[in-house]
């Protein structure tokens, strides 16, 4: 019984891995130039994305947060980190 209780508590403390919350930190690629707004592809599909910097098609991105209307706030991915 203690083992089952431990597994239940451990599962409840895990960060979300599905839905909008599960996208934060994920990486993807720019499909259509992001100049204020554009389109990116992350595992699971294409999303409308916004960024403070201009991102060209083919660049790697990282999701910073999910904004209202299910738009992704993204930034250029630091692939060397």
C-alpha atoms as a PDB file:
ATOM      1  CA  UNK A   1       0.000   0.000   0.000  1.00  0.00           C
ATOM      2  CA  UNK A   2       2.820   2.416   0.783  1.00  0.00           C
ATOM      3  CA  UNK A   3       4.316   1.837  -2.640  1.00  0.00           C
ATOM      4  CA  UNK A   4       1.025   2.680  -4.343  1.00  0.00           C
ATOM      5  CA  UNK A   5       0.664   5.848  -2.260  1.00  0.00           C
ATOM      6  CA  UNK A   6       4.203   6.891  -3.173  1.00  0.00           C
ATOM      7  CA  UNK A   7       3.548   6.363  -6.899  1.00  0.00           C
ATOM      8  CA  UNK A   8       0.321   8.381  -6.753  1.00  0.00           C
ATOM      9  CA  UNK A   9       2.057  11.321  -5.035  1.00  0.00           C
ATOM     10  CA  UNK A  10       4.990  11.213  -7.441  1.00  0.00           C
ATOM     11  CA  UNK A  11       2.654  11.288 -10.444  1.00  0.00           C
ATOM     12  CA  UNK A  12       0.655  14.239  -9.087  1.00  0.00           C
ATOM     13  CA  UNK A  13       3.797  16.334  -8.593  1.00  0.00           C
ATOM     14  CA  UNK A  14       5.039  15.976 -12.182  1.00  0.00           C
ATOM     15  CA  UNK A  15       4.798  19.049 -14.412  1.00  0.00           C
ATOM     16  CA  UNK A  16       2.127  19.004 -17.113  1.00  0.00           C
ATOM     17  CA  UNK A  17       3.203  17.203 -20.268  1.00  0.00           C
ATOM     18  CA  UNK A  18       0.002  17.601 -22.283  1.00  0.00           C
ATOM     19  CA  UNK A  19      -2.098  20.531 -23.363  1.00  0.00           C
ATOM     20  CA  UNK A  20      -0.867  24.099 -23.582  1.00  0.00           C
ATOM     21  CA  UNK A  21       1.273  23.857 -20.416  1.00  0.00           C
ATOM     22  CA  UNK A  22       3.159  20.904 -21.867  1.00  0.00           C
ATOM     23  CA  UNK A  23       4.339  23.004 -24.825  1.00  0.00           C
ATOM     24  CA  UNK A  24       6.422  25.428 -22.762  1.00  0.00           C
ATOM     25  CA  UNK A  25      10.109  24.661 -23.267  1.00  0.00           C
ATOM     26  CA  UNK A  26       9.474  22.525 -26.347  1.00  0.00           C
ATOM     27  CA  UNK A  27      11.468  23.201 -29.489  1.00  0.00           C
ATOM     28  CA  UNK A  28      10.291  23.457 -33.060  1.00  0.00           C
ATOM     29  CA  UNK A  29      11.000  25.118 -36.378  1.00  0.00           C
ATOM     30  CA  UNK A  30       9.668  28.222 -38.131  1.00  0.00           C
ATOM     31  CA  UNK A  31       7.392  27.344 -41.084  1.00  0.00           C
ATOM     32  CA  UNK A  32       6.422  30.861 -42.119  1.00  0.00           C
ATOM     33  CA  UNK A  33       8.525  33.914 -41.233  1.00  0.00           C
ATOM     34  CA  UNK A  34       7.743  35.321 -37.794  1.00  0.00           C
ATOM     35  CA  UNK A  35       7.857  39.116 -38.050  1.00  0.00           C
ATOM     36  CA  UNK A  36       5.628  39.925 -35.116  1.00  0.00           C
ATOM     37  CA  UNK A  37       3.465  36.912 -36.007  1.00  0.00           C
ATOM     38  CA  UNK A  38       4.014  33.790 -38.098  1.00  0.00           C
ATOM     39  CA  UNK A  39       3.690  30.015 -38.102  1.00  0.00           C
ATOM     40  CA  UNK A  40       5.867  27.433 -36.347  1.00  0.00           C
ATOM     41  CA  UNK A  41       5.809  23.651 -36.243  1.00  0.00           C
ATOM     42  CA  UNK A  42       6.288  21.809 -32.973  1.00  0.00           C
ATOM     43  CA  UNK A  43       5.714  18.106 -32.391  1.00  0.00           C
ATOM     44  CA  UNK A  44       1.968  17.750 -32.696  1.00  0.00           C
ATOM     45  CA  UNK A  45       1.246  20.374 -35.329  1.00  0.00           C
ATOM     46  CA  UNK A  46       1.518  23.911 -36.654  1.00  0.00           C
ATOM     47  CA  UNK A  47       0.773  26.896 -34.415  1.00  0.00           C
ATOM     48  CA  UNK A  48       0.474  30.646 -34.778  1.00  0.00           C
ATOM     49  CA  UNK A  49       3.481  32.176 -33.055  1.00  0.00           C
ATOM     50  CA  UNK A  50       4.532  35.645 -31.923  1.00  0.00           C
ATOM     51  CA  UNK A  51       8.014  36.924 -31.173  1.00  0.00           C
ATOM     52  CA  UNK A  52       9.811  40.172 -30.412  1.00  0.00           C
ATOM     53  CA  UNK A  53      12.528  39.220 -32.898  1.00  0.00           C
ATOM     54  CA  UNK A  54      12.287  38.387 -36.604  1.00  0.00           C
ATOM     55  CA  UNK A  55      12.631  34.646 -37.190  1.00  0.00           C
ATOM     56  CA  UNK A  56      13.145  33.238 -40.685  1.00  0.00           C
ATOM     57  CA  UNK A  57      11.681  29.991 -42.051  1.00  0.00           C
ATOM     58  CA  UNK A  58      13.821  27.015 -41.061  1.00  0.00           C
ATOM     59  CA  UNK A  59      15.169  28.539 -37.833  1.00  0.00           C
ATOM     60  CA  UNK A  60      14.900  26.550 -34.601  1.00  0.00           C
ATOM     61  CA  UNK A  61      12.686  28.034 -31.896  1.00  0.00           C
ATOM     62  CA  UNK A  62      11.833  27.430 -28.252  1.00  0.00           C
ATOM     63  CA  UNK A  63       8.377  28.014 -26.798  1.00  0.00           C
ATOM     64  CA  UNK A  64       8.430  30.561 -23.964  1.00  0.00           C
ATOM     65  CA  UNK A  65       4.718  30.554 -23.080  1.00  0.00           C
ATOM     66  CA  UNK A  66       1.214  30.068 -24.437  1.00  0.00           C
ATOM     67  CA  UNK A  67      -0.651  33.346 -24.856  1.00  0.00           C
ATOM     68  CA  UNK A  68      -4.387  34.039 -25.106  1.00  0.00           C
ATOM     69  CA  UNK A  69      -6.111  32.685 -28.217  1.00  0.00           C
ATOM     70  CA  UNK A  70      -3.624  29.768 -28.173  1.00  0.00           C
ATOM     71  CA  UNK A  71      -0.755  31.698 -29.743  1.00  0.00           C
ATOM     72  CA  UNK A  72       2.765  30.625 -28.838  1.00  0.00           C
ATOM     73  CA  UNK A  73       5.332  33.168 -27.621  1.00  0.00           C
ATOM     74  CA  UNK A  74       8.635  31.911 -29.058  1.00  0.00           C
ATOM     75  CA  UNK A  75      12.294  32.858 -29.186  1.00  0.00           C
ATOM     76  CA  UNK A  76      15.287  31.674 -31.192  1.00  0.00           C
ATOM     77  CA  UNK A  77      16.497  28.372 -29.733  1.00  0.00           C
ATOM     78  CA  UNK A  78      19.982  28.305 -28.229  1.00  0.00           C
ATOM     79  CA  UNK A  79      21.138  24.977 -29.655  1.00  0.00           C
ATOM     80  CA  UNK A  80      24.565  25.170 -28.003  1.00  0.00           C
ATOM     81  CA  UNK A  81      23.262  25.264 -24.423  1.00  0.00           C
END
